[in-house]
Amino acid sequence: MMRAVGRITLGSIVAFSLVLPLTVSAQAPSAPRAARTDVEKVRRGEAWFYQSCLLCHVDRILKNDITAPLGPKLNGLLKDATPAKEAAVREQINRNSLRMPGYRYNLTPEQMDELIAYLKTL
């Protein structure tokens, strides 16, 4: 049974999160290799964000009414962040808390690096 959330169904969100990693692997042939690698890393991090973080950290739409996210918005969280702040964010993502599950067993270190690279762009 699909639960409708405004005009977006839970099934469409799940389908999008499964298809997005397949669509973000395209490379721009004219970009330098280092720039391409950074862009690819951010795109893969965006896919991990949509798969693992979107439900709680983005505004929700309920019956055509936009409500606040369950967790804090992450915009600007890692903009010009110090290494200590980045380490604290990594630790928060890895360990669980009362309101957030831990992802230490769900994300590999490489996937965590990609997610952090994406969070730096918000």
PDB file of N, CA and C in Angstrom:
ATOM      1  N   MET A   1       0.832  -1.175   0.000  1.00  0.00           N
ATOM      2  CA  MET A   1       0.000   0.000   0.000  1.00  0.00           C
ATOM      3  C   MET A   1       0.884   1.247   0.000  1.00  0.00           C
ATOM      4  N   MET A   2       0.651   2.151  -0.922  1.00  0.00           N
ATOM      5  CA  MET A   2       1.419   3.382  -1.027  1.00  0.00           C
ATOM      6  C   MET A   2       0.719   4.479  -0.237  1.00  0.00           C
ATOM      7  N   ARG A   3       1.496   5.197   0.548  1.00  0.00           N
ATOM      8  CA  ARG A   3       0.973   6.319   1.309  1.00  0.00           C
ATOM      9  C   ARG A   3       1.248   7.600   0.558  1.00  0.00           C
ATOM     10  N   ALA A   4       0.229   8.353   0.252  1.00  0.00           N
ATOM     11  CA  ALA A   4       0.410   9.600  -0.480  1.00  0.00           C
ATOM     12  C   ALA A   4       0.849  10.697   0.476  1.00  0.00           C
ATOM     13  N   VAL A   5       1.867  11.421   0.089  1.00  0.00           N
ATOM     14  CA  VAL A   5       2.358  12.563   0.849  1.00  0.00           C
ATOM     15  C   VAL A   5       2.242  13.748  -0.090  1.00  0.00           C
ATOM     16  N   GLY A   6       1.141  14.475   0.024  1.00  0.00           N
ATOM     17  CA  GLY A   6       0.887  15.530  -0.943  1.00  0.00           C
ATOM     18  C   GLY A   6       0.713  14.890  -2.306  1.00  0.00           C
ATOM     19  N   ARG A   7       1.501  15.311  -3.263  1.00  0.00           N
ATOM     20  CA  ARG A   7       1.466  14.708  -4.586  1.00  0.00           C
ATOM     21  C   ARG A   7       2.580  13.704  -4.784  1.00  0.00           C
ATOM     22  N   ILE A   8       3.447  13.592  -3.799  1.00  0.00           N
ATOM     23  CA  ILE A   8       4.571  12.677  -3.883  1.00  0.00           C
ATOM     24  C   ILE A   8       4.231  11.451  -3.055  1.00  0.00           C
ATOM     25  N   THR A   9       4.324  10.272  -3.652  1.00  0.00           N
ATOM     26  CA  THR A   9       4.057   9.051  -2.893  1.00  0.00           C
ATOM     27  C   THR A   9       5.345   8.518  -2.309  1.00  0.00           C
ATOM     28  N   LEU A  10       5.209   7.760  -1.267  1.00  0.00           N
ATOM     29  CA  LEU A  10       6.372   7.141  -0.645  1.00  0.00           C
ATOM     30  C   LEU A  10       7.074   6.226  -1.640  1.00  0.00           C
ATOM     31  N   GLY A  11       6.300   5.567  -2.485  1.00  0.00           N
ATOM     32  CA  GLY A  11       6.883   4.698  -3.514  1.00  0.00           C
ATOM     33  C   GLY A  11       7.731   5.468  -4.503  1.00  0.00           C
ATOM     34  N   SER A  12       7.303   6.678  -4.874  1.00  0.00           N
ATOM     35  CA  SER A  12       8.088   7.468  -5.823  1.00  0.00           C
ATOM     36  C   SER A  12       9.391   7.951  -5.192  1.00  0.00           C
ATOM     37  N   ILE A  13       9.381   8.234  -3.893  1.00  0.00           N
ATOM     38  CA  ILE A  13      10.609   8.636  -3.207  1.00  0.00           C
ATOM     39  C   ILE A  13      11.587   7.471  -3.179  1.00  0.00           C
ATOM     40  N   VAL A  14      11.081   6.281  -2.858  1.00  0.00           N
ATOM     41  CA  VAL A  14      11.939   5.093  -2.832  1.00  0.00           C
ATOM     42  C   VAL A  14      12.475   4.804  -4.221  1.00  0.00           C
ATOM     43  N   ALA A  15      11.632   4.872  -5.235  1.00  0.00           N
ATOM     44  CA  ALA A  15      12.073   4.616  -6.605  1.00  0.00           C
ATOM     45  C   ALA A  15      13.132   5.631  -7.027  1.00  0.00           C
ATOM     46  N   PHE A  16      12.927   6.901  -6.686  1.00  0.00           N
ATOM     47  CA  PHE A  16      13.892   7.941  -7.014  1.00  0.00           C
ATOM     48  C   PHE A  16      15.226   7.667  -6.344  1.00  0.00           C
ATOM     49  N   SER A  17      15.189   7.236  -5.074  1.00  0.00           N
ATOM     50  CA  SER A  17      16.441   6.980  -4.363  1.00  0.00           C
ATOM     51  C   SER A  17      17.179   5.778  -4.925  1.00  0.00           C
ATOM     52  N   LEU A  18      16.453   4.858  -5.586  1.00  0.00           N
ATOM     53  CA  LEU A  18      17.110   3.707  -6.201  1.00  0.00           C
ATOM     54  C   LEU A  18      17.668   4.047  -7.579  1.00  0.00           C
ATOM     55  N   VAL A  19      17.002   4.953  -8.291  1.00  0.00           N
ATOM     56  CA  VAL A  19      17.416   5.311  -9.651  1.00  0.00           C
ATOM     57  C   VAL A  19      18.493   6.381  -9.649  1.00  0.00           C
ATOM     58  N   LEU A  20      18.470   7.293  -8.677  1.00  0.00           N
ATOM     59  CA  LEU A  20      19.412   8.413  -8.654  1.00  0.00           C
ATOM     60  C   LEU A  20      20.866   7.979  -8.719  1.00  0.00           C
ATOM     61  N   PRO A  21      21.307   6.968  -7.929  1.00  0.00           N
ATOM     62  CA  PRO A  21      22.717   6.583  -8.035  1.00  0.00           C
ATOM     63  C   PRO A  21      23.109   6.116  -9.436  1.00  0.00           C
ATOM     64  N   LEU A  22      22.152   5.580 -10.194  1.00  0.00           N
ATOM     65  CA  LEU A  22      22.456   5.141 -11.549  1.00  0.00           C
ATOM     66  C   LEU A  22      22.619   6.322 -12.496  1.00  0.00           C
ATOM     67  N   THR A  23      21.908   7.420 -12.218  1.00  0.00           N
ATOM     68  CA  THR A  23      21.950   8.561 -13.120  1.00  0.00           C
ATOM     69  C   THR A  23      23.087   9.521 -12.821  1.00  0.00           C
ATOM     70  N   VAL A  24      23.662   9.448 -11.635  1.00  0.00           N
ATOM     71  CA  VAL A  24      24.703  10.404 -11.285  1.00  0.00           C
ATOM     72  C   VAL A  24      26.095   9.952 -11.692  1.00  0.00           C
ATOM     73  N   SER A  25      26.211   8.801 -12.341  1.00  0.00           N
ATOM     74  CA  SER A  25      27.535   8.300 -12.672  1.00  0.00           C
ATOM     75  C   SER A  25      28.072   8.841 -13.998  1.00  0.00           C
ATOM     76  N   ALA A  26      27.268   9.642 -14.709  1.00  0.00           N
ATOM     77  CA  ALA A  26      27.743  10.188 -15.977  1.00  0.00           C
ATOM     78  C   ALA A  26      28.867  11.191 -15.742  1.00  0.00           C
ATOM     79  N   GLN A  27      29.855  11.209 -16.650  1.00  0.00           N
ATOM     80  CA  GLN A  27      30.998  12.096 -16.510  1.00  0.00           C
ATOM     81  C   GLN A  27      30.994  13.129 -17.634  1.00  0.00           C
ATOM     82  N   ALA A  28      31.481  14.305 -17.309  1.00  0.00           N
ATOM     83  CA  ALA A  28      31.666  15.333 -18.326  1.00  0.00           C
ATOM     84  C   ALA A  28      33.018  15.087 -18.986  1.00  0.00           C
ATOM     85  N   PRO A  29      33.059  14.737 -20.285  1.00  0.00           N
ATOM     86  CA  PRO A  29      34.310  14.353 -20.919  1.00  0.00           C
ATOM     87  C   PRO A  29      35.334  15.471 -21.032  1.00  0.00           C
ATOM     88  N   SER A  30      34.911  16.736 -21.026  1.00  0.00           N
ATOM     89  CA  SER A  30      35.864  17.815 -21.240  1.00  0.00           C
ATOM     90  C   SER A  30      36.492  18.336 -19.944  1.00  0.00           C
ATOM     91  N   ALA A  31      35.972  17.949 -18.789  1.00  0.00           N
ATOM     92  CA  ALA A  31      36.499  18.446 -17.518  1.00  0.00           C
ATOM     93  C   ALA A  31      37.809  17.748 -17.170  1.00  0.00           C
ATOM     94  N   PRO A  32      38.738  18.447 -16.523  1.00  0.00           N
ATOM     95  CA  PRO A  32      39.977  17.805 -16.074  1.00  0.00           C
ATOM     96  C   PRO A  32      39.664  16.667 -15.104  1.00  0.00           C
ATOM     97  N   ARG A  33      40.561  15.693 -15.035  1.00  0.00           N
ATOM     98  CA  ARG A  33      40.326  14.499 -14.235  1.00  0.00           C
ATOM     99  C   ARG A  33      40.068  14.826 -12.757  1.00  0.00           C
ATOM    100  N   ALA A  34      40.847  15.715 -12.142  1.00  0.00           N
ATOM    101  CA  ALA A  34      40.666  16.056 -10.727  1.00  0.00           C
ATOM    102  C   ALA A  34      39.307  16.709 -10.495  1.00  0.00           C
ATOM    103  N   ALA A  35      38.913  17.629 -11.373  1.00  0.00           N
ATOM    104  CA  ALA A  35      37.618  18.293 -11.243  1.00  0.00           C
ATOM    105  C   ALA A  35      36.484  17.293 -11.430  1.00  0.00           C
ATOM    106  N   ARG A  36      36.651  16.375 -12.400  1.00  0.00           N
ATOM    107  CA  ARG A  36      35.642  15.345 -12.631  1.00  0.00           C
ATOM    108  C   ARG A  36      35.482  14.471 -11.401  1.00  0.00           C
ATOM    109  N   THR A  37      36.585  14.104 -10.791  1.00  0.00           N
ATOM    110  CA  THR A  37      36.544  13.253  -9.612  1.00  0.00           C
ATOM    111  C   THR A  37      35.806  13.950  -8.472  1.00  0.00           C
ATOM    112  N   ASP A  38      36.078  15.239  -8.248  1.00  0.00           N
ATOM    113  CA  ASP A  38      35.394  15.986  -7.190  1.00  0.00           C
ATOM    114  C   ASP A  38      33.894  16.080  -7.470  1.00  0.00           C
ATOM    115  N   VAL A  39      33.538  16.357  -8.709  1.00  0.00           N
ATOM    116  CA  VAL A  39      32.130  16.462  -9.079  1.00  0.00           C
ATOM    117  C   VAL A  39      31.447  15.114  -8.905  1.00  0.00           C
ATOM    118  N   GLU A  40      32.091  14.047  -9.311  1.00  0.00           N
ATOM    119  CA  GLU A  40      31.524  12.710  -9.156  1.00  0.00           C
ATOM    120  C   GLU A  40      31.346  12.371  -7.677  1.00  0.00           C
ATOM    121  N   LYS A  41      32.308  12.738  -6.869  1.00  0.00           N
ATOM    122  CA  LYS A  41      32.250  12.467  -5.429  1.00  0.00           C
ATOM    123  C   LYS A  41      31.050  13.197  -4.813  1.00  0.00           C
ATOM    124  N   VAL A  42      30.860  14.453  -5.183  1.00  0.00           N
ATOM    125  CA  VAL A  42      29.732  15.232  -4.668  1.00  0.00           C
ATOM    126  C   VAL A  42      28.415  14.630  -5.153  1.00  0.00           C
ATOM    127  N   ARG A  43      28.349  14.215  -6.410  1.00  0.00           N
ATOM    128  CA  ARG A  43      27.113  13.622  -6.934  1.00  0.00           C
ATOM    129  C   ARG A  43      26.789  12.307  -6.239  1.00  0.00           C
ATOM    130  N   ARG A  44      27.799  11.494  -5.978  1.00  0.00           N
ATOM    131  CA  ARG A  44      27.550  10.255  -5.243  1.00  0.00           C
ATOM    132  C   ARG A  44      27.118  10.576  -3.814  1.00  0.00           C
ATOM    133  N   GLY A  45      27.718  11.606  -3.216  1.00  0.00           N
ATOM    134  CA  GLY A  45      27.310  12.038  -1.884  1.00  0.00           C
ATOM    135  C   GLY A  45      25.872  12.527  -1.864  1.00  0.00           C
ATOM    136  N   GLU A  46      25.465  13.206  -2.926  1.00  0.00           N
ATOM    137  CA  GLU A  46      24.073  13.650  -3.035  1.00  0.00           C
ATOM    138  C   GLU A  46      23.140  12.446  -3.087  1.00  0.00           C
ATOM    139  N   ALA A  47      23.545  11.411  -3.797  1.00  0.00           N
ATOM    140  CA  ALA A  47      22.732  10.188  -3.866  1.00  0.00           C
ATOM    141  C   ALA A  47      22.606   9.553  -2.479  1.00  0.00           C
ATOM    142  N   TRP A  48      23.712   9.517  -1.723  1.00  0.00           N
ATOM    143  CA  TRP A  48      23.644   8.971  -0.360  1.00  0.00           C
ATOM    144  C   TRP A  48      22.740   9.831   0.511  1.00  0.00           C
ATOM    145  N   PHE A  49      22.789  11.152   0.320  1.00  0.00           N
ATOM    146  CA  PHE A  49      21.925  12.053   1.085  1.00  0.00           C
ATOM    147  C   PHE A  49      20.460  11.757   0.781  1.00  0.00           C
ATOM    148  N   TYR A  50      20.124  11.643  -0.509  1.00  0.00           N
ATOM    149  CA  TYR A  50      18.738  11.363  -0.882  1.00  0.00           C
ATOM    150  C   TYR A  50      18.286   9.998  -0.365  1.00  0.00           C
ATOM    151  N   GLN A  51      19.187   9.061  -0.314  1.00  0.00           N
ATOM    152  CA  GLN A  51      18.830   7.723   0.136  1.00  0.00           C
ATOM    153  C   GLN A  51      18.704   7.641   1.657  1.00  0.00           C
ATOM    154  N   SER A  52      19.570   8.311   2.401  1.00  0.00           N
ATOM    155  CA  SER A  52      19.627   8.110   3.845  1.00  0.00           C
ATOM    156  C   SER A  52      19.144   9.289   4.690  1.00  0.00           C
ATOM    157  N   CYS A  53      19.225  10.500   4.172  1.00  0.00           N
ATOM    158  CA  CYS A  53      19.005  11.683   5.012  1.00  0.00           C
ATOM    159  C   CYS A  53      17.762  12.495   4.641  1.00  0.00           C
ATOM    160  N   LEU A  54      17.296  12.349   3.421  1.00  0.00           N
ATOM    161  CA  LEU A  54      16.233  13.190   2.882  1.00  0.00           C
ATOM    162  C   LEU A  54      14.972  13.179   3.730  1.00  0.00           C
ATOM    163  N   LEU A  55      14.574  12.017   4.189  1.00  0.00           N
ATOM    164  CA  LEU A  55      13.310  11.893   4.896  1.00  0.00           C
ATOM    165  C   LEU A  55      13.224  12.813   6.109  1.00  0.00           C
ATOM    166  N   CYS A  56      14.307  12.972   6.820  1.00  0.00           N
ATOM    167  CA  CYS A  56      14.280  13.769   8.060  1.00  0.00           C
ATOM    168  C   CYS A  56      14.851  15.179   7.925  1.00  0.00           C
ATOM    169  N   HIS A  57      15.682  15.430   6.928  1.00  0.00           N
ATOM    170  CA  HIS A  57      16.399  16.712   6.884  1.00  0.00           C
ATOM    171  C   HIS A  57      15.946  17.644   5.766  1.00  0.00           C
ATOM    172  N   VAL A  58      14.789  17.365   5.143  1.00  0.00           N
ATOM    173  CA  VAL A  58      14.244  18.231   4.101  1.00  0.00           C
ATOM    174  C   VAL A  58      12.778  18.481   4.446  1.00  0.00           C
ATOM    175  N   ASP A  59      12.266  19.651   4.096  1.00  0.00           N
ATOM    176  CA  ASP A  59      10.860  19.974   4.361  1.00  0.00           C
ATOM    177  C   ASP A  59       9.950  18.870   3.840  1.00  0.00           C
ATOM    178  N   ARG A  60       8.895  18.616   4.588  1.00  0.00           N
ATOM    179  CA  ARG A  60       7.933  17.589   4.198  1.00  0.00           C
ATOM    180  C   ARG A  60       6.685  18.253   3.636  1.00  0.00           C
ATOM    181  N   ILE A  61       5.982  17.560   2.744  1.00  0.00           N
ATOM    182  CA  ILE A  61       4.727  18.047   2.178  1.00  0.00           C
ATOM    183  C   ILE A  61       3.632  17.100   2.638  1.00  0.00           C
ATOM    184  N   LEU A  62       2.720  17.622   3.403  1.00  0.00           N
ATOM    185  CA  LEU A  62       1.596  16.830   3.894  1.00  0.00           C
ATOM    186  C   LEU A  62       0.303  17.517   3.495  1.00  0.00           C
ATOM    187  N   LYS A  63      -0.491  16.851   2.656  1.00  0.00           N
ATOM    188  CA  LYS A  63      -1.784  17.385   2.215  1.00  0.00           C
ATOM    189  C   LYS A  63      -1.645  18.820   1.714  1.00  0.00           C
ATOM    190  N   ASN A  64      -0.742  19.018   0.776  1.00  0.00           N
ATOM    191  CA  ASN A  64      -0.493  20.319   0.151  1.00  0.00           C
ATOM    192  C   ASN A  64      -0.067  21.392   1.152  1.00  0.00           C
ATOM    193  N   ASP A  65       0.466  20.989   2.272  1.00  0.00           N
ATOM    194  CA  ASP A  65       0.929  21.925   3.293  1.00  0.00           C
ATOM    195  C   ASP A  65       2.387  21.590   3.596  1.00  0.00           C
ATOM    196  N   ILE A  66       3.281  22.540   3.447  1.00  0.00           N
ATOM    197  CA  ILE A  66       4.701  22.302   3.694  1.00  0.00           C
ATOM    198  C   ILE A  66       4.964  22.472   5.188  1.00  0.00           C
ATOM    199  N   THR A  67       5.582  21.456   5.774  1.00  0.00           N
ATOM    200  CA  THR A  67       5.899  21.511   7.199  1.00  0.00           C
ATOM    201  C   THR A  67       7.406  21.401   7.384  1.00  0.00           C
ATOM    202  N   ALA A  68       7.849  21.702   8.567  1.00  0.00           N
ATOM    203  CA  ALA A  68       9.275  21.669   8.880  1.00  0.00           C
ATOM    204  C   ALA A  68       9.798  20.229   8.847  1.00  0.00           C
ATOM    205  N   PRO A  69      11.080  20.071   8.595  1.00  0.00           N
ATOM    206  CA  PRO A  69      11.655  18.722   8.611  1.00  0.00           C
ATOM    207  C   PRO A  69      11.670  18.153  10.028  1.00  0.00           C
ATOM    208  N   LEU A  70      11.803  16.837  10.129  1.00  0.00           N
ATOM    209  CA  LEU A  70      11.872  16.183  11.434  1.00  0.00           C
ATOM    210  C   LEU A  70      13.177  16.531  12.148  1.00  0.00           C
ATOM    211  N   GLY A  71      14.271  16.562  11.398  1.00  0.00           N
ATOM    212  CA  GLY A  71      15.579  16.905  11.952  1.00  0.00           C
ATOM    213  C   GLY A  71      15.977  18.294  11.496  1.00  0.00           C
ATOM    214  N   PRO A  72      17.133  18.766  11.932  1.00  0.00           N
ATOM    215  CA  PRO A  72      17.561  20.110  11.521  1.00  0.00           C
ATOM    216  C   PRO A  72      17.920  20.158  10.038  1.00  0.00           C
ATOM    217  N   LYS A  73      17.703  21.322   9.438  1.00  0.00           N
ATOM    218  CA  LYS A  73      18.142  21.514   8.057  1.00  0.00           C
ATOM    219  C   LYS A  73      19.661  21.555   8.059  1.00  0.00           C
ATOM    220  N   LEU A  74      20.263  21.041   7.016  1.00  0.00           N
ATOM    221  CA  LEU A  74      21.716  20.928   6.970  1.00  0.00           C
ATOM    222  C   LEU A  74      22.367  21.977   6.070  1.00  0.00           C
ATOM    223  N   ASN A  75      21.584  22.931   5.575  1.00  0.00           N
ATOM    224  CA  ASN A  75      22.138  23.994   4.731  1.00  0.00           C
ATOM    225  C   ASN A  75      23.161  24.805   5.501  1.00  0.00           C
ATOM    226  N   GLY A  76      24.354  24.931   4.949  1.00  0.00           N
ATOM    227  CA  GLY A  76      25.409  25.727   5.553  1.00  0.00           C
ATOM    228  C   GLY A  76      26.127  25.055   6.711  1.00  0.00           C
ATOM    229  N   LEU A  77      25.771  23.823   7.024  1.00  0.00           N
ATOM    230  CA  LEU A  77      26.361  23.133   8.170  1.00  0.00           C
ATOM    231  C   LEU A  77      27.878  23.008   8.053  1.00  0.00           C
ATOM    232  N   LEU A  78      28.366  22.650   6.860  1.00  0.00           N
ATOM    233  CA  LEU A  78      29.807  22.449   6.683  1.00  0.00           C
ATOM    234  C   LEU A  78      30.454  23.470   5.759  1.00  0.00           C
ATOM    235  N   LYS A  79      29.778  24.583   5.500  1.00  0.00           N
ATOM    236  CA  LYS A  79      30.400  25.649   4.705  1.00  0.00           C
ATOM    237  C   LYS A  79      31.562  26.227   5.496  1.00  0.00           C
ATOM    238  N   ASP A  80      32.751  26.191   4.931  1.00  0.00           N
ATOM    239  CA  ASP A  80      33.955  26.715   5.579  1.00  0.00           C
ATOM    240  C   ASP A  80      34.143  26.145   6.991  1.00  0.00           C
ATOM    241  N   ALA A  81      33.820  24.874   7.162  1.00  0.00           N
ATOM    242  CA  ALA A  81      33.920  24.232   8.474  1.00  0.00           C
ATOM    243  C   ALA A  81      35.369  23.888   8.807  1.00  0.00           C
ATOM    244  N   THR A  82      35.680  23.948  10.075  1.00  0.00           N
ATOM    245  CA  THR A  82      36.997  23.538  10.542  1.00  0.00           C
ATOM    246  C   THR A  82      37.070  22.012  10.539  1.00  0.00           C
ATOM    247  N   PRO A  83      38.271  21.459  10.517  1.00  0.00           N
ATOM    248  CA  PRO A  83      38.392  19.997  10.592  1.00  0.00           C
ATOM    249  C   PRO A  83      37.730  19.412  11.840  1.00  0.00           C
ATOM    250  N   ALA A  84      37.755  20.148  12.940  1.00  0.00           N
ATOM    251  CA  ALA A  84      37.113  19.665  14.169  1.00  0.00           C
ATOM    252  C   ALA A  84      35.596  19.570  14.001  1.00  0.00           C
ATOM    253  N   LYS A  85      34.998  20.562  13.340  1.00  0.00           N
ATOM    254  CA  LYS A  85      33.550  20.527  13.116  1.00  0.00           C
ATOM    255  C   LYS A  85      33.192  19.399  12.158  1.00  0.00           C
ATOM    256  N   GLU A  86      33.993  19.215  11.109  1.00  0.00           N
ATOM    257  CA  GLU A  86      33.750  18.121  10.174  1.00  0.00           C
ATOM    258  C   GLU A  86      33.832  16.774  10.895  1.00  0.00           C
ATOM    259  N   ALA A  87      34.803  16.621  11.773  1.00  0.00           N
ATOM    260  CA  ALA A  87      34.936  15.377  12.545  1.00  0.00           C
ATOM    261  C   ALA A  87      33.726  15.169  13.454  1.00  0.00           C
ATOM    262  N   ALA A  88      33.214  16.258  14.044  1.00  0.00           N
ATOM    263  CA  ALA A  88      32.037  16.154  14.905  1.00  0.00           C
ATOM    264  C   ALA A  88      30.805  15.728  14.107  1.00  0.00           C
ATOM    265  N   VAL A  89      30.658  16.255  12.891  1.00  0.00           N
ATOM    266  CA  VAL A  89      29.527  15.880  12.036  1.00  0.00           C
ATOM    267  C   VAL A  89      29.653  14.413  11.633  1.00  0.00           C
ATOM    268  N   ARG A  90      30.856  13.977  11.269  1.00  0.00           N
ATOM    269  CA  ARG A  90      31.072  12.566  10.932  1.00  0.00           C
ATOM    270  C   ARG A  90      30.687  11.659  12.115  1.00  0.00           C
ATOM    271  N   GLU A  91      31.097  12.062  13.306  1.00  0.00           N
ATOM    272  CA  GLU A  91      30.785  11.270  14.500  1.00  0.00           C
ATOM    273  C   GLU A  91      29.277  11.209  14.735  1.00  0.00           C
ATOM    274  N   GLN A  92      28.587  12.331  14.547  1.00  0.00           N
ATOM    275  CA  GLN A  92      27.134  12.369  14.721  1.00  0.00           C
ATOM    276  C   GLN A  92      26.439  11.449  13.721  1.00  0.00           C
ATOM    277  N   ILE A  93      26.922  11.422  12.498  1.00  0.00           N
ATOM    278  CA  ILE A  93      26.327  10.547  11.479  1.00  0.00           C
ATOM    279  C   ILE A  93      26.601   9.088  11.821  1.00  0.00           C
ATOM    280  N   ASN A  94      27.776   8.792  12.296  1.00  0.00           N
ATOM    281  CA  ASN A  94      28.145   7.406  12.597  1.00  0.00           C
ATOM    282  C   ASN A  94      27.423   6.829  13.808  1.00  0.00           C
ATOM    283  N   ARG A  95      27.325   7.603  14.880  1.00  0.00           N
ATOM    284  CA  ARG A  95      26.713   7.040  16.093  1.00  0.00           C
ATOM    285  C   ARG A  95      25.223   7.347  16.116  1.00  0.00           C
ATOM    286  N   ASN A  96      24.494   6.565  16.853  1.00  0.00           N
ATOM    287  CA  ASN A  96      23.066   6.821  16.937  1.00  0.00           C
ATOM    288  C   ASN A  96      22.768   7.731  18.125  1.00  0.00           C
ATOM    289  N   SER A  97      21.605   8.345  18.080  1.00  0.00           N
ATOM    290  CA  SER A  97      21.137   9.191  19.179  1.00  0.00           C
ATOM    291  C   SER A  97      19.651   8.902  19.358  1.00  0.00           C
ATOM    292  N   LEU A  98      19.009   9.636  20.229  1.00  0.00           N
ATOM    293  CA  LEU A  98      17.582   9.392  20.457  1.00  0.00           C
ATOM    294  C   LEU A  98      16.741   9.670  19.219  1.00  0.00           C
ATOM    295  N   ARG A  99      17.141  10.645  18.426  1.00  0.00           N
ATOM    296  CA  ARG A  99      16.323  11.036  17.262  1.00  0.00           C
ATOM    297  C   ARG A  99      16.904  10.609  15.918  1.00  0.00           C
ATOM    298  N   MET A 100      18.113  10.100  15.901  1.00  0.00           N
ATOM    299  CA  MET A 100      18.751   9.770  14.618  1.00  0.00           C
ATOM    300  C   MET A 100      19.467   8.429  14.712  1.00  0.00           C
ATOM    301  N   PRO A 101      19.232   7.571  13.715  1.00  0.00           N
ATOM    302  CA  PRO A 101      19.967   6.295  13.711  1.00  0.00           C
ATOM    303  C   PRO A 101      21.418   6.527  13.305  1.00  0.00           C
ATOM    304  N   GLY A 102      22.285   5.655  13.743  1.00  0.00           N
ATOM    305  CA  GLY A 102      23.685   5.725  13.341  1.00  0.00           C
ATOM    306  C   GLY A 102      23.887   5.029  12.008  1.00  0.00           C
ATOM    307  N   TYR A 103      24.852   5.495  11.244  1.00  0.00           N
ATOM    308  CA  TYR A 103      25.106   4.931   9.910  1.00  0.00           C
ATOM    309  C   TYR A 103      26.479   4.287   9.803  1.00  0.00           C
ATOM    310  N   ARG A 104      27.135   3.979  10.921  1.00  0.00           N
ATOM    311  CA  ARG A 104      28.485   3.402  10.866  1.00  0.00           C
ATOM    312  C   ARG A 104      28.500   2.061  10.149  1.00  0.00           C
ATOM    313  N   TYR A 105      27.385   1.325  10.187  1.00  0.00           N
ATOM    314  CA  TYR A 105      27.332   0.027   9.526  1.00  0.00           C
ATOM    315  C   TYR A 105      26.668   0.117   8.142  1.00  0.00           C
ATOM    316  N   ASN A 106      26.125   1.273   7.813  1.00  0.00           N
ATOM    317  CA  ASN A 106      25.448   1.449   6.536  1.00  0.00           C
ATOM    318  C   ASN A 106      26.308   2.130   5.476  1.00  0.00           C
ATOM    319  N   LEU A 107      27.212   2.989   5.907  1.00  0.00           N
ATOM    320  CA  LEU A 107      28.055   3.730   4.965  1.00  0.00           C
ATOM    321  C   LEU A 107      29.516   3.319   5.143  1.00  0.00           C
ATOM    322  N   THR A 108      30.163   3.019   4.042  1.00  0.00           N
ATOM    323  CA  THR A 108      31.595   2.730   4.083  1.00  0.00           C
ATOM    324  C   THR A 108      32.342   4.051   4.291  1.00  0.00           C
ATOM    325  N   PRO A 109      33.616   4.010   4.660  1.00  0.00           N
ATOM    326  CA  PRO A 109      34.371   5.273   4.793  1.00  0.00           C
ATOM    327  C   PRO A 109      34.367   6.102   3.501  1.00  0.00           C
ATOM    328  N   GLU A 110      34.434   5.435   2.355  1.00  0.00           N
ATOM    329  CA  GLU A 110      34.399   6.166   1.077  1.00  0.00           C
ATOM    330  C   GLU A 110      33.038   6.832   0.881  1.00  0.00           C
ATOM    331  N   GLN A 111      31.967   6.137   1.191  1.00  0.00           N
ATOM    332  CA  GLN A 111      30.628   6.710   1.066  1.00  0.00           C
ATOM    333  C   GLN A 111      30.452   7.874   2.038  1.00  0.00           C
ATOM    334  N   MET A 112      31.007   7.762   3.239  1.00  0.00           N
ATOM    335  CA  MET A 112      30.949   8.854   4.215  1.00  0.00           C
ATOM    336  C   MET A 112      31.688  10.073   3.672  1.00  0.00           C
ATOM    337  N   ASP A 113      32.850   9.876   3.043  1.00  0.00           N
ATOM    338  CA  ASP A 113      33.588  10.989   2.431  1.00  0.00           C
ATOM    339  C   ASP A 113      32.752  11.659   1.355  1.00  0.00           C
ATOM    340  N   GLU A 114      32.047  10.860   0.560  1.00  0.00           N
ATOM    341  CA  GLU A 114      31.192  11.408  -0.503  1.00  0.00           C
ATOM    342  C   GLU A 114      30.042  12.207   0.103  1.00  0.00           C
ATOM    343  N   LEU A 115      29.426  11.678   1.156  1.00  0.00           N
ATOM    344  CA  LEU A 115      28.332  12.388   1.815  1.00  0.00           C
ATOM    345  C   LEU A 115      28.818  13.711   2.401  1.00  0.00           C
ATOM    346  N   ILE A 116      29.967  13.694   3.046  1.00  0.00           N
ATOM    347  CA  ILE A 116      30.532  14.932   3.618  1.00  0.00           C
ATOM    348  C   ILE A 116      30.849  15.929   2.498  1.00  0.00           C
ATOM    349  N   ALA A 117      31.376  15.452   1.374  1.00  0.00           N
ATOM    350  CA  ALA A 117      31.664  16.333   0.236  1.00  0.00           C
ATOM    351  C   ALA A 117      30.373  17.009  -0.242  1.00  0.00           C
ATOM    352  N   TYR A 118      29.272  16.276  -0.267  1.00  0.00           N
ATOM    353  CA  TYR A 118      27.989  16.873  -0.672  1.00  0.00           C
ATOM    354  C   TYR A 118      27.500  17.871   0.377  1.00  0.00           C
ATOM    355  N   LEU A 119      27.590  17.517   1.666  1.00  0.00           N
ATOM    356  CA  LEU A 119      27.128  18.410   2.714  1.00  0.00           C
ATOM    357  C   LEU A 119      27.883  19.743   2.691  1.00  0.00           C
ATOM    358  N   LYS A 120      29.129  19.724   2.235  1.00  0.00           N
ATOM    359  CA  LYS A 120      29.907  20.960   2.135  1.00  0.00           C
ATOM    360  C   LYS A 120      29.353  21.889   1.053  1.00  0.00           C
ATOM    361  N   THR A 121      28.581  21.353   0.117  1.00  0.00           N
ATOM    362  CA  THR A 121      28.031  22.177  -0.965  1.00  0.00           C
ATOM    363  C   THR A 121      26.687  22.802  -0.596  1.00  0.00           C
ATOM    364  N   LEU A 122      26.082  22.369   0.488  1.00  0.00           N
ATOM    365  CA  LEU A 122      24.766  22.892   0.872  1.00  0.00           C
ATOM    366  C   LEU A 122      24.875  24.290   1.446  1.00  0.00           C
TER     367      LEU A 122
END
